[in-house]
PDB file of all heavy atoms in Angstrom:
ATOM      1  N   GLY A   1     -16.874   2.842   4.559  1.00  0.00           N
ATOM      2  CA  GLY A   1     -16.994   4.040   3.745  1.00  0.00           C
ATOM      3  C   GLY A   1     -18.180   4.890   4.127  1.00  0.00           C
ATOM      4  O   GLY A   1     -19.128   4.454   4.769  1.00  0.00           O
ATOM      5  N   GLY A   2     -18.103   6.140   3.730  1.00  0.00           N
ATOM      6  CA  GLY A   2     -19.171   7.094   3.953  1.00  0.00           C
ATOM      7  C   GLY A   2     -18.979   8.269   3.035  1.00  0.00           C
ATOM      8  O   GLY A   2     -18.099   8.270   2.169  1.00  0.00           O
ATOM      9  N   SER A   3     -19.756   9.281   3.221  1.00  0.00           N
ATOM     10  CA  SER A   3     -19.703  10.452   2.361  1.00  0.00           C
ATOM     11  C   SER A   3     -18.323  11.099   2.392  1.00  0.00           C
ATOM     12  O   SER A   3     -17.800  11.439   3.447  1.00  0.00           O
ATOM     13  CB  SER A   3     -20.763  11.467   2.812  1.00  0.00           C
ATOM     14  OG  SER A   3     -20.682  12.642   2.048  1.00  0.00           O
ATOM     15  N   GLY A   4     -17.707  11.234   1.217  1.00  0.00           N
ATOM     16  CA  GLY A   4     -16.446  11.936   1.084  1.00  0.00           C
ATOM     17  C   GLY A   4     -15.221  11.154   1.518  1.00  0.00           C
ATOM     18  O   GLY A   4     -14.122  11.686   1.523  1.00  0.00           O
ATOM     19  N   GLN A   5     -15.388   9.870   1.873  1.00  0.00           N
ATOM     20  CA  GLN A   5     -14.256   9.101   2.370  1.00  0.00           C
ATOM     21  C   GLN A   5     -13.559   8.288   1.291  1.00  0.00           C
ATOM     22  O   GLN A   5     -12.474   7.759   1.521  1.00  0.00           O
ATOM     23  CB  GLN A   5     -14.719   8.172   3.503  1.00  0.00           C
ATOM     24  CG  GLN A   5     -15.135   8.936   4.751  1.00  0.00           C
ATOM     25  CD  GLN A   5     -15.746   8.038   5.803  1.00  0.00           C
ATOM     26  OE1 GLN A   5     -15.871   6.842   5.626  1.00  0.00           O
ATOM     27  NE2 GLN A   5     -16.151   8.626   6.914  1.00  0.00           N
ATOM     28  N   GLY A   6     -14.162   8.182   0.090  1.00  0.00           N
ATOM     29  CA  GLY A   6     -13.533   7.426  -0.974  1.00  0.00           C
ATOM     30  C   GLY A   6     -13.276   5.989  -0.547  1.00  0.00           C
ATOM     31  O   GLY A   6     -14.110   5.347   0.073  1.00  0.00           O
ATOM     32  N   ASN A   7     -12.081   5.479  -0.894  1.00  0.00           N
ATOM     33  CA  ASN A   7     -11.760   4.103  -0.516  1.00  0.00           C
ATOM     34  C   ASN A   7     -10.731   4.050   0.597  1.00  0.00           C
ATOM     35  O   ASN A   7     -10.056   3.044   0.787  1.00  0.00           O
ATOM     36  CB  ASN A   7     -11.267   3.310  -1.732  1.00  0.00           C
ATOM     37  CG  ASN A   7      -9.911   3.807  -2.234  1.00  0.00           C
ATOM     38  OD1 ASN A   7      -9.438   4.865  -1.819  1.00  0.00           O
ATOM     39  ND2 ASN A   7      -9.289   3.046  -3.120  1.00  0.00           N
ATOM     40  N   ARG A   8     -10.599   5.139   1.347  1.00  0.00           N
ATOM     41  CA  ARG A   8      -9.636   5.127   2.449  1.00  0.00           C
ATOM     42  C   ARG A   8     -10.348   4.792   3.758  1.00  0.00           C
ATOM     43  O   ARG A   8     -10.601   5.649   4.609  1.00  0.00           O
ATOM     44  CB  ARG A   8      -8.895   6.461   2.552  1.00  0.00           C
ATOM     45  CG  ARG A   8      -7.616   6.336   3.371  1.00  0.00           C
ATOM     46  CD  ARG A   8      -6.813   7.627   3.415  1.00  0.00           C
ATOM     47  NE  ARG A   8      -5.508   7.405   4.021  1.00  0.00           N
ATOM     48  CZ  ARG A   8      -5.282   7.372   5.331  1.00  0.00           C
ATOM     49  NH1 ARG A   8      -6.303   7.576   6.169  1.00  0.00           N
ATOM     50  NH2 ARG A   8      -4.071   7.142   5.791  1.00  0.00           N
ATOM     51  N   HIS A   9     -10.703   3.532   3.897  1.00  0.00           N
ATOM     52  CA  HIS A   9     -11.288   3.009   5.132  1.00  0.00           C
ATOM     53  C   HIS A   9     -10.911   1.540   5.212  1.00  0.00           C
ATOM     54  O   HIS A   9     -10.449   0.937   4.233  1.00  0.00           O
ATOM     55  CB  HIS A   9     -12.805   3.209   5.163  1.00  0.00           C
ATOM     56  CG  HIS A   9     -13.525   2.732   3.943  1.00  0.00           C
ATOM     57  ND1 HIS A   9     -13.912   1.428   3.773  1.00  0.00           N
ATOM     58  CD2 HIS A   9     -13.909   3.384   2.818  1.00  0.00           C
ATOM     59  CE1 HIS A   9     -14.530   1.294   2.596  1.00  0.00           C
ATOM     60  NE2 HIS A   9     -14.538   2.461   2.004  1.00  0.00           N
ATOM     61  N   VAL A  10     -11.059   0.950   6.390  1.00  0.00           N
ATOM     62  CA  VAL A  10     -10.567  -0.411   6.609  1.00  0.00           C
ATOM     63  C   VAL A  10     -11.190  -1.396   5.635  1.00  0.00           C
ATOM     64  O   VAL A  10     -10.503  -2.263   5.075  1.00  0.00           O
ATOM     65  CB  VAL A  10     -10.824  -0.854   8.063  1.00  0.00           C
ATOM     66  CG1 VAL A  10     -10.433  -2.317   8.252  1.00  0.00           C
ATOM     67  CG2 VAL A  10     -10.054   0.025   9.042  1.00  0.00           C
ATOM     68  N   ASP A  11     -12.482  -1.283   5.383  1.00  0.00           N
ATOM     69  CA  ASP A  11     -13.159  -2.235   4.513  1.00  0.00           C
ATOM     70  C   ASP A  11     -12.558  -2.239   3.109  1.00  0.00           C
ATOM     71  O   ASP A  11     -12.355  -3.303   2.517  1.00  0.00           O
ATOM     72  CB  ASP A  11     -14.655  -1.912   4.457  1.00  0.00           C
ATOM     73  CG  ASP A  11     -15.460  -3.029   3.808  1.00  0.00           C
ATOM     74  OD1 ASP A  11     -15.056  -4.199   3.943  1.00  0.00           O
ATOM     75  OD2 ASP A  11     -16.476  -2.729   3.161  1.00  0.00           O
ATOM     76  N   ALA A  12     -12.266  -1.061   2.562  1.00  0.00           N
ATOM     77  CA  ALA A  12     -11.667  -0.987   1.234  1.00  0.00           C
ATOM     78  C   ALA A  12     -10.201  -1.403   1.253  1.00  0.00           C
ATOM     79  O   ALA A  12      -9.721  -2.119   0.373  1.00  0.00           O
ATOM     80  CB  ALA A  12     -11.812   0.422   0.665  1.00  0.00           C
ATOM     81  N   LEU A  13      -9.468  -0.961   2.272  1.00  0.00           N
ATOM     82  CA  LEU A  13      -8.043  -1.275   2.352  1.00  0.00           C
ATOM     83  C   LEU A  13      -7.788  -2.744   2.665  1.00  0.00           C
ATOM     84  O   LEU A  13      -6.655  -3.223   2.534  1.00  0.00           O
ATOM     85  CB  LEU A  13      -7.375  -0.402   3.415  1.00  0.00           C
ATOM     86  CG  LEU A  13      -7.384   1.113   3.147  1.00  0.00           C
ATOM     87  CD1 LEU A  13      -6.684   1.857   4.279  1.00  0.00           C
ATOM     88  CD2 LEU A  13      -6.730   1.442   1.818  1.00  0.00           C
ATOM     89  N   ALA A  14      -8.840  -3.477   3.061  1.00  0.00           N
ATOM     90  CA  ALA A  14      -8.689  -4.908   3.305  1.00  0.00           C
ATOM     91  C   ALA A  14      -8.244  -5.656   2.057  1.00  0.00           C
ATOM     92  O   ALA A  14      -7.761  -6.788   2.144  1.00  0.00           O
ATOM     93  CB  ALA A  14     -10.004  -5.494   3.835  1.00  0.00           C
ATOM     94  N   GLU A  15      -8.392  -5.028   0.865  1.00  0.00           N
ATOM     95  CA  GLU A  15      -7.855  -5.629  -0.365  1.00  0.00           C
ATOM     96  C   GLU A  15      -6.358  -5.864  -0.248  1.00  0.00           C
ATOM     97  O   GLU A  15      -5.809  -6.761  -0.879  1.00  0.00           O
ATOM     98  CB  GLU A  15      -8.139  -4.706  -1.553  1.00  0.00           C
ATOM     99  CG  GLU A  15      -9.605  -4.542  -1.914  1.00  0.00           C
ATOM    100  CD  GLU A  15     -10.142  -5.702  -2.739  1.00  0.00           C
ATOM    101  OE1 GLU A  15      -9.366  -6.629  -3.016  1.00  0.00           O
ATOM    102  OE2 GLU A  15     -11.339  -5.685  -3.074  1.00  0.00           O
ATOM    103  N   ALA A  16      -5.677  -5.052   0.560  1.00  0.00           N
ATOM    104  CA  ALA A  16      -4.229  -5.191   0.726  1.00  0.00           C
ATOM    105  C   ALA A  16      -3.870  -6.174   1.834  1.00  0.00           C
ATOM    106  O   ALA A  16      -2.694  -6.325   2.169  1.00  0.00           O
ATOM    107  CB  ALA A  16      -3.618  -3.816   1.037  1.00  0.00           C
ATOM    108  N   LEU A  17      -4.876  -6.854   2.400  1.00  0.00           N
ATOM    109  CA  LEU A  17      -4.644  -7.790   3.500  1.00  0.00           C
ATOM    110  C   LEU A  17      -4.992  -9.219   3.108  1.00  0.00           C
ATOM    111  O   LEU A  17      -5.277 -10.056   3.970  1.00  0.00           O
ATOM    112  CB  LEU A  17      -5.477  -7.371   4.724  1.00  0.00           C
ATOM    113  CG  LEU A  17      -5.183  -5.988   5.305  1.00  0.00           C
ATOM    114  CD1 LEU A  17      -6.137  -5.680   6.450  1.00  0.00           C
ATOM    115  CD2 LEU A  17      -3.733  -5.888   5.766  1.00  0.00           C
ATOM    116  N   MET A  18      -4.966  -9.512   1.812  1.00  0.00           N
ATOM    117  CA  MET A  18      -5.316 -10.859   1.361  1.00  0.00           C
ATOM    118  C   MET A  18      -4.207 -11.865   1.648  1.00  0.00           C
ATOM    119  O   MET A  18      -4.467 -13.032   1.909  1.00  0.00           O
ATOM    120  CB  MET A  18      -5.668 -10.823  -0.120  1.00  0.00           C
ATOM    121  CG  MET A  18      -6.961 -10.066  -0.397  1.00  0.00           C
ATOM    122  SD  MET A  18      -7.216  -9.627  -2.131  1.00  0.00           S
ATOM    123  CE  MET A  18      -7.338 -11.241  -2.871  1.00  0.00           C
ATOM    124  N   PHE A  19      -2.945 -11.448   1.583  1.00  0.00           N
ATOM    125  CA  PHE A  19      -1.804 -12.292   1.932  1.00  0.00           C
ATOM    126  C   PHE A  19      -1.895 -13.681   1.306  1.00  0.00           C
ATOM    127  O   PHE A  19      -1.739 -14.707   1.980  1.00  0.00           O
ATOM    128  CB  PHE A  19      -1.667 -12.411   3.452  1.00  0.00           C
ATOM    129  CG  PHE A  19      -1.433 -11.106   4.155  1.00  0.00           C
ATOM    130  CD1 PHE A  19      -2.281 -10.674   5.165  1.00  0.00           C
ATOM    131  CD2 PHE A  19      -0.368 -10.287   3.812  1.00  0.00           C
ATOM    132  CE1 PHE A  19      -2.065  -9.467   5.827  1.00  0.00           C
ATOM    133  CE2 PHE A  19      -0.138  -9.072   4.466  1.00  0.00           C
ATOM    134  CZ  PHE A  19      -0.988  -8.665   5.462  1.00  0.00           C
ATOM    135  N   GLY A  20      -2.140 -13.719  -0.002  1.00  0.00           N
ATOM    136  CA  GLY A  20      -2.156 -14.981  -0.725  1.00  0.00           C
ATOM    137  C   GLY A  20      -3.493 -15.680  -0.774  1.00  0.00           C
ATOM    138  O   GLY A  20      -3.638 -16.691  -1.473  1.00  0.00           O
ATOM    139  N   PHE A  21      -4.509 -15.184  -0.072  1.00  0.00           N
ATOM    140  CA  PHE A  21      -5.841 -15.781  -0.124  1.00  0.00           C
ATOM    141  C   PHE A  21      -6.623 -15.200  -1.303  1.00  0.00           C
ATOM    142  O   PHE A  21      -6.306 -14.132  -1.812  1.00  0.00           O
ATOM    143  CB  PHE A  21      -6.584 -15.551   1.192  1.00  0.00           C
ATOM    144  CG  PHE A  21      -6.146 -16.463   2.301  1.00  0.00           C
ATOM    145  CD1 PHE A  21      -4.899 -16.309   2.893  1.00  0.00           C
ATOM    146  CD2 PHE A  21      -6.974 -17.473   2.750  1.00  0.00           C
ATOM    147  CE1 PHE A  21      -4.484 -17.140   3.918  1.00  0.00           C
ATOM    148  CE2 PHE A  21      -6.577 -18.311   3.779  1.00  0.00           C
ATOM    149  CZ  PHE A  21      -5.325 -18.155   4.369  1.00  0.00           C
ATOM    150  N   LYS A  22      -7.650 -15.913  -1.713  1.00  0.00           N
ATOM    151  CA  LYS A  22      -8.418 -15.521  -2.892  1.00  0.00           C
ATOM    152  C   LYS A  22      -9.287 -14.303  -2.643  1.00  0.00           C
ATOM    153  O   LYS A  22      -9.443 -13.444  -3.524  1.00  0.00           O
ATOM    154  CB  LYS A  22      -9.303 -16.695  -3.340  1.00  0.00           C
ATOM    155  CG  LYS A  22     -10.145 -16.415  -4.581  1.00  0.00           C
ATOM    156  CD  LYS A  22     -10.920 -17.659  -4.998  1.00  0.00           C
ATOM    157  CE  LYS A  22     -11.944 -18.068  -3.953  1.00  0.00           C
ATOM    158  NZ  LYS A  22     -12.800 -19.188  -4.404  1.00  0.00           N
ATOM    159  N   ASP A  23      -9.875 -14.196  -1.462  1.00  0.00           N
ATOM    160  CA  ASP A  23     -10.821 -13.118  -1.161  1.00  0.00           C
ATOM    161  C   ASP A  23     -10.260 -12.197  -0.088  1.00  0.00           C
ATOM    162  O   ASP A  23      -9.459 -12.608   0.754  1.00  0.00           O
ATOM    163  CB  ASP A  23     -12.157 -13.700  -0.685  1.00  0.00           C
ATOM    164  CG  ASP A  23     -12.793 -14.596  -1.730  1.00  0.00           C
ATOM    165  OD1 ASP A  23     -12.803 -14.203  -2.910  1.00  0.00           O
ATOM    166  OD2 ASP A  23     -13.254 -15.691  -1.353  1.00  0.00           O
ATOM    167  N   LYS A  24     -10.725 -10.966  -0.114  1.00  0.00           N
ATOM    168  CA  LYS A  24     -10.294 -10.031   0.928  1.00  0.00           C
ATOM    169  C   LYS A  24     -10.990 -10.380   2.241  1.00  0.00           C
ATOM    170  O   LYS A  24     -12.120 -10.889   2.245  1.00  0.00           O
ATOM    171  CB  LYS A  24     -10.599  -8.592   0.520  1.00  0.00           C
ATOM    172  CG  LYS A  24     -12.041  -8.156   0.680  1.00  0.00           C
ATOM    173  CD  LYS A  24     -12.181  -6.653   0.453  1.00  0.00           C
ATOM    174  CE  LYS A  24     -13.601  -6.184   0.793  1.00  0.00           C
ATOM    175  NZ  LYS A  24     -13.757  -4.716   0.654  1.00  0.00           N
ATOM    176  N   PRO A  25     -10.346 -10.113   3.378  1.00  0.00           N
ATOM    177  CA  PRO A  25     -10.983 -10.390   4.668  1.00  0.00           C
ATOM    178  C   PRO A  25     -12.173  -9.472   4.919  1.00  0.00           C
ATOM    179  O   PRO A  25     -12.266  -8.384   4.354  1.00  0.00           O
ATOM    180  CB  PRO A  25      -9.860 -10.142   5.686  1.00  0.00           C
ATOM    181  CG  PRO A  25      -8.915  -9.224   4.991  1.00  0.00           C
ATOM    182  CD  PRO A  25      -8.993  -9.561   3.534  1.00  0.00           C
ATOM    183  N   LYS A  26     -13.061  -9.929   5.778  1.00  0.00           N
ATOM    184  CA  LYS A  26     -14.322  -9.241   6.026  1.00  0.00           C
ATOM    185  C   LYS A  26     -14.349  -8.663   7.434  1.00  0.00           C
ATOM    186  O   LYS A  26     -13.930  -9.319   8.389  1.00  0.00           O
ATOM    187  CB  LYS A  26     -15.478 -10.224   5.834  1.00  0.00           C
ATOM    188  CG  LYS A  26     -15.514 -10.825   4.434  1.00  0.00           C
ATOM    189  CD  LYS A  26     -16.201 -12.168   4.406  1.00  0.00           C
ATOM    190  CE  LYS A  26     -16.168 -12.758   3.003  1.00  0.00           C
ATOM    191  NZ  LYS A  26     -14.778 -13.047   2.559  1.00  0.00           N
ATOM    192  N   LEU A  27     -14.891  -7.447   7.558  1.00  0.00           N
ATOM    193  CA  LEU A  27     -15.017  -6.829   8.873  1.00  0.00           C
ATOM    194  C   LEU A  27     -15.982  -7.631   9.740  1.00  0.00           C
ATOM    195  O   LEU A  27     -17.055  -8.030   9.292  1.00  0.00           O
ATOM    196  CB  LEU A  27     -15.540  -5.398   8.751  1.00  0.00           C
ATOM    197  CG  LEU A  27     -14.506  -4.272   8.600  1.00  0.00           C
ATOM    198  CD1 LEU A  27     -13.753  -4.420   7.286  1.00  0.00           C
ATOM    199  CD2 LEU A  27     -15.182  -2.922   8.675  1.00  0.00           C
ATOM    200  N   VAL A  28     -15.585  -7.877  10.983  1.00  0.00           N
ATOM    201  CA  VAL A  28     -16.438  -8.573  11.936  1.00  0.00           C
ATOM    202  C   VAL A  28     -17.176  -7.566  12.826  1.00  0.00           C
ATOM    203  O   VAL A  28     -18.308  -7.783  13.232  1.00  0.00           O
ATOM    204  CB  VAL A  28     -15.599  -9.538  12.800  1.00  0.00           C
ATOM    205  CG1 VAL A  28     -16.440 -10.178  13.891  1.00  0.00           C
ATOM    206  CG2 VAL A  28     -14.969 -10.618  11.916  1.00  0.00           C
ATOM    207  N   HIS A  29     -16.521  -6.454  13.131  1.00  0.00           N
ATOM    208  CA  HIS A  29     -17.131  -5.393  13.929  1.00  0.00           C
ATOM    209  C   HIS A  29     -16.471  -4.086  13.530  1.00  0.00           C
ATOM    210  O   HIS A  29     -15.574  -4.062  12.685  1.00  0.00           O
ATOM    211  CB  HIS A  29     -16.964  -5.667  15.434  1.00  0.00           C
ATOM    212  CG  HIS A  29     -15.536  -5.745  15.869  1.00  0.00           C
ATOM    213  ND1 HIS A  29     -14.933  -4.830  16.695  1.00  0.00           N
ATOM    214  CD2 HIS A  29     -14.565  -6.643  15.579  1.00  0.00           C
ATOM    215  CE1 HIS A  29     -13.679  -5.154  16.900  1.00  0.00           C
ATOM    216  NE2 HIS A  29     -13.422  -6.261  16.230  1.00  0.00           N
ATOM    217  N   ARG A  30     -16.904  -2.981  14.126  1.00  0.00           N
ATOM    218  CA  ARG A  30     -16.383  -1.665  13.747  1.00  0.00           C
ATOM    219  C   ARG A  30     -15.880  -0.896  14.963  1.00  0.00           C
ATOM    220  O   ARG A  30     -16.270  -1.182  16.085  1.00  0.00           O
ATOM    221  CB  ARG A  30     -17.481  -0.842  13.054  1.00  0.00           C
ATOM    222  CG  ARG A  30     -17.975  -1.422  11.742  1.00  0.00           C
ATOM    223  CD  ARG A  30     -19.077  -0.568  11.159  1.00  0.00           C
ATOM    224  NE  ARG A  30     -20.267  -0.559  12.016  1.00  0.00           N
ATOM    225  CZ  ARG A  30     -21.301   0.260  11.849  1.00  0.00           C
ATOM    226  NH1 ARG A  30     -21.299   1.138  10.855  1.00  0.00           N
ATOM    227  NH2 ARG A  30     -22.337   0.204  12.658  1.00  0.00           N
ATOM    228  N   LEU A  31     -15.020   0.070  14.675  1.00  0.00           N
ATOM    229  CA  LEU A  31     -14.631   1.071  15.656  1.00  0.00           C
ATOM    230  C   LEU A  31     -14.958   2.443  15.075  1.00  0.00           C
ATOM    231  O   LEU A  31     -14.913   2.628  13.848  1.00  0.00           O
ATOM    232  CB  LEU A  31     -13.127   1.004  15.954  1.00  0.00           C
ATOM    233  CG  LEU A  31     -12.588  -0.226  16.701  1.00  0.00           C
ATOM    234  CD1 LEU A  31     -11.068  -0.145  16.809  1.00  0.00           C
ATOM    235  CD2 LEU A  31     -13.218  -0.348  18.083  1.00  0.00           C
ATOM    236  N   ASP A  32     -15.260   3.408  15.947  1.00  0.00           N
ATOM    237  CA  ASP A  32     -15.435   4.777  15.472  1.00  0.00           C
ATOM    238  C   ASP A  32     -14.173   5.237  14.754  1.00  0.00           C
ATOM    239  O   ASP A  32     -13.069   4.778  15.057  1.00  0.00           O
ATOM    240  CB  ASP A  32     -15.714   5.721  16.641  1.00  0.00           C
ATOM    241  CG  ASP A  32     -17.058   5.470  17.300  1.00  0.00           C
ATOM    242  OD1 ASP A  32     -17.892   4.780  16.691  1.00  0.00           O
ATOM    243  OD2 ASP A  32     -17.259   5.958  18.431  1.00  0.00           O
ATOM    244  N   ARG A  33     -14.337   6.162  13.844  1.00  0.00           N
ATOM    245  CA  ARG A  33     -13.204   6.659  13.053  1.00  0.00           C
ATOM    246  C   ARG A  33     -12.033   7.091  13.923  1.00  0.00           C
ATOM    247  O   ARG A  33     -10.872   6.754  13.650  1.00  0.00           O
ATOM    248  CB  ARG A  33     -13.651   7.828  12.176  1.00  0.00           C
ATOM    249  CG  ARG A  33     -12.524   8.425  11.329  1.00  0.00           C
ATOM    250  CD  ARG A  33     -13.006   9.645  10.584  1.00  0.00           C
ATOM    251  NE  ARG A  33     -13.441  10.694  11.520  1.00  0.00           N
ATOM    252  CZ  ARG A  33     -14.074  11.800  11.145  1.00  0.00           C
ATOM    253  NH1 ARG A  33     -14.361  11.989   9.864  1.00  0.00           N
ATOM    254  NH2 ARG A  33     -14.433  12.703  12.033  1.00  0.00           N
ATOM    255  N   ASP A  34     -12.304   7.843  14.986  1.00  0.00           N
ATOM    256  CA  ASP A  34     -11.225   8.406  15.793  1.00  0.00           C
ATOM    257  C   ASP A  34     -10.788   7.503  16.940  1.00  0.00           C
ATOM    258  O   ASP A  34      -9.857   7.842  17.677  1.00  0.00           O
ATOM    259  CB  ASP A  34     -11.641   9.776  16.338  1.00  0.00           C
ATOM    260  CG  ASP A  34     -11.827  10.795  15.217  1.00  0.00           C
ATOM    261  OD1 ASP A  34     -11.059  10.739  14.249  1.00  0.00           O
ATOM    262  OD2 ASP A  34     -12.745  11.632  15.321  1.00  0.00           O
ATOM    263  N   THR A  35     -11.448   6.355  17.099  1.00  0.00           N
ATOM    264  CA  THR A  35     -11.035   5.372  18.096  1.00  0.00           C
ATOM    265  C   THR A  35      -9.990   4.454  17.481  1.00  0.00           C
ATOM    266  O   THR A  35     -10.156   3.973  16.363  1.00  0.00           O
ATOM    267  CB  THR A  35     -12.237   4.546  18.580  1.00  0.00           C
ATOM    268  OG1 THR A  35     -13.226   5.416  19.122  1.00  0.00           O
ATOM    269  CG2 THR A  35     -11.820   3.538  19.639  1.00  0.00           C
ATOM    270  N   SER A  36      -8.921   4.211  18.206  1.00  0.00           N
ATOM    271  CA  SER A  36      -7.865   3.320  17.724  1.00  0.00           C
ATOM    272  C   SER A  36      -7.998   1.957  18.384  1.00  0.00           C
ATOM    273  O   SER A  36      -8.781   1.766  19.313  1.00  0.00           O
ATOM    274  CB  SER A  36      -6.493   3.919  18.042  1.00  0.00           C
ATOM    275  OG  SER A  36      -6.349   4.109  19.446  1.00  0.00           O
ATOM    276  N   GLY A  37      -7.211   1.000  17.882  1.00  0.00           N
ATOM    277  CA  GLY A  37      -7.112  -0.270  18.579  1.00  0.00           C
ATOM    278  C   GLY A  37      -7.599  -1.475  17.821  1.00  0.00           C
ATOM    279  O   GLY A  37      -7.719  -1.464  16.591  1.00  0.00           O
ATOM    280  N   LEU A  38      -7.901  -2.527  18.574  1.00  0.00           N
ATOM    281  CA  LEU A  38      -8.102  -3.860  18.016  1.00  0.00           C
ATOM    282  C   LEU A  38      -9.406  -4.004  17.232  1.00  0.00           C
ATOM    283  O   LEU A  38     -10.490  -3.686  17.727  1.00  0.00           O
ATOM    284  CB  LEU A  38      -8.076  -4.894  19.143  1.00  0.00           C
ATOM    285  CG  LEU A  38      -6.665  -5.235  19.650  1.00  0.00           C
ATOM    286  CD1 LEU A  38      -6.727  -5.835  21.043  1.00  0.00           C
ATOM    287  CD2 LEU A  38      -5.975  -6.187  18.679  1.00  0.00           C
ATOM    288  N   MET A  39      -9.247  -4.481  15.999  1.00  0.00           N
ATOM    289  CA  MET A  39     -10.369  -4.840  15.133  1.00  0.00           C
ATOM    290  C   MET A  39     -10.117  -6.213  14.556  1.00  0.00           C
ATOM    291  O   MET A  39      -8.984  -6.533  14.181  1.00  0.00           O
ATOM    292  CB  MET A  39     -10.511  -3.849  13.965  1.00  0.00           C
ATOM    293  CG  MET A  39     -11.236  -2.585  14.265  1.00  0.00           C
ATOM    294  SD  MET A  39     -11.534  -1.649  12.725  1.00  0.00           S
ATOM    295  CE  MET A  39     -12.712  -2.736  11.897  1.00  0.00           C
ATOM    296  N   LEU A  40     -11.160  -7.031  14.464  1.00  0.00           N
ATOM    297  CA  LEU A  40     -11.046  -8.360  13.891  1.00  0.00           C
ATOM    298  C   LEU A  40     -11.617  -8.390  12.479  1.00  0.00           C
ATOM    299  O   LEU A  40     -12.667  -7.801  12.210  1.00  0.00           O
ATOM    300  CB  LEU A  40     -11.782  -9.387  14.744  1.00  0.00           C
ATOM    301  CG  LEU A  40     -11.263  -9.623  16.162  1.00  0.00           C
ATOM    302  CD1 LEU A  40     -12.104 -10.694  16.851  1.00  0.00           C
ATOM    303  CD2 LEU A  40      -9.801 -10.016  16.154  1.00  0.00           C
ATOM    304  N   LEU A  41     -10.907  -9.075  11.579  1.00  0.00           N
ATOM    305  CA  LEU A  41     -11.383  -9.342  10.235  1.00  0.00           C
ATOM    306  C   LEU A  41     -11.326 -10.843  10.021  1.00  0.00           C
ATOM    307  O   LEU A  41     -10.410 -11.517  10.518  1.00  0.00           O
ATOM    308  CB  LEU A  41     -10.532  -8.643   9.172  1.00  0.00           C
ATOM    309  CG  LEU A  41     -10.602  -7.113   9.109  1.00  0.00           C
ATOM    310  CD1 LEU A  41      -9.642  -6.483  10.117  1.00  0.00           C
ATOM    311  CD2 LEU A  41     -10.265  -6.614   7.705  1.00  0.00           C
ATOM    312  N   ALA A  42     -12.302 -11.384   9.308  1.00  0.00           N
ATOM    313  CA  ALA A  42     -12.375 -12.817   9.051  1.00  0.00           C
ATOM    314  C   ALA A  42     -12.027 -13.101   7.595  1.00  0.00           C
ATOM    315  O   ALA A  42     -12.433 -12.366   6.695  1.00  0.00           O
ATOM    316  CB  ALA A  42     -13.770 -13.338   9.368  1.00  0.00           C
ATOM    317  N   ARG A  43     -11.287 -14.176   7.369  1.00  0.00           N
ATOM    318  CA  ARG A  43     -10.876 -14.513   5.998  1.00  0.00           C
ATOM    319  C   ARG A  43     -11.994 -15.184   5.206  1.00  0.00           C
ATOM    320  O   ARG A  43     -11.941 -15.199   3.974  1.00  0.00           O
ATOM    321  CB  ARG A  43      -9.657 -15.426   6.037  1.00  0.00           C
ATOM    322  CG  ARG A  43      -8.371 -14.772   6.562  1.00  0.00           C
ATOM    323  CD  ARG A  43      -7.201 -15.661   6.204  1.00  0.00           C
ATOM    324  NE  ARG A  43      -5.943 -15.236   6.790  1.00  0.00           N
ATOM    325  CZ  ARG A  43      -5.091 -14.385   6.227  1.00  0.00           C
ATOM    326  NH1 ARG A  43      -5.409 -13.824   5.076  1.00  0.00           N
ATOM    327  NH2 ARG A  43      -3.942 -14.091   6.810  1.00  0.00           N
ATOM    328  N   THR A  44     -12.997 -15.748   5.872  1.00  0.00           N
ATOM    329  CA  THR A  44     -14.091 -16.424   5.183  1.00  0.00           C
ATOM    330  C   THR A  44     -15.427 -15.997   5.773  1.00  0.00           C
ATOM    331  O   THR A  44     -15.495 -15.512   6.907  1.00  0.00           O
ATOM    332  CB  THR A  44     -13.963 -17.963   5.310  1.00  0.00           C
ATOM    333  OG1 THR A  44     -14.114 -18.331   6.693  1.00  0.00           O
ATOM    334  CG2 THR A  44     -12.612 -18.448   4.791  1.00  0.00           C
ATOM    335  N   ASP A  45     -16.489 -16.224   5.003  1.00  0.00           N
ATOM    336  CA  ASP A  45     -17.840 -15.917   5.488  1.00  0.00           C
ATOM    337  C   ASP A  45     -18.180 -16.739   6.722  1.00  0.00           C
ATOM    338  O   ASP A  45     -18.832 -16.244   7.647  1.00  0.00           O
ATOM    339  CB  ASP A  45     -18.868 -16.202   4.389  1.00  0.00           C
ATOM    340  CG  ASP A  45     -18.787 -15.208   3.244  1.00  0.00           C
ATOM    341  OD1 ASP A  45     -18.312 -14.079   3.468  1.00  0.00           O
ATOM    342  OD2 ASP A  45     -19.188 -15.565   2.126  1.00  0.00           O
ATOM    343  N   ARG A  46     -17.740 -17.990   6.738  1.00  0.00           N
ATOM    344  CA  ARG A  46     -18.043 -18.866   7.875  1.00  0.00           C
ATOM    345  C   ARG A  46     -17.444 -18.316   9.157  1.00  0.00           C
ATOM    346  O   ARG A  46     -18.126 -18.251  10.197  1.00  0.00           O
ATOM    347  CB  ARG A  46     -17.509 -20.265   7.592  1.00  0.00           C
ATOM    348  CG  ARG A  46     -17.645 -21.228   8.766  1.00  0.00           C
ATOM    349  CD  ARG A  46     -16.832 -22.482   8.545  1.00  0.00           C
ATOM    350  NE  ARG A  46     -16.766 -23.320   9.725  1.00  0.00           N
ATOM    351  CZ  ARG A  46     -15.898 -24.303   9.903  1.00  0.00           C
ATOM    352  NH1 ARG A  46     -15.015 -24.580   8.950  1.00  0.00           N
ATOM    353  NH2 ARG A  46     -15.890 -25.023  11.001  1.00  0.00           N
TER     354      ARG A  46
END
């Protein structure tokens, strides 16, 4: 998230990627807004 972006970003939308798990997945790294492609999210802090 950032100024004026509300909850329309990967970190917020990760709530829709729980797929039966208790917690939402966590961003491991970032891509620029206009860059597309592979991003990893982790299901646990570990």
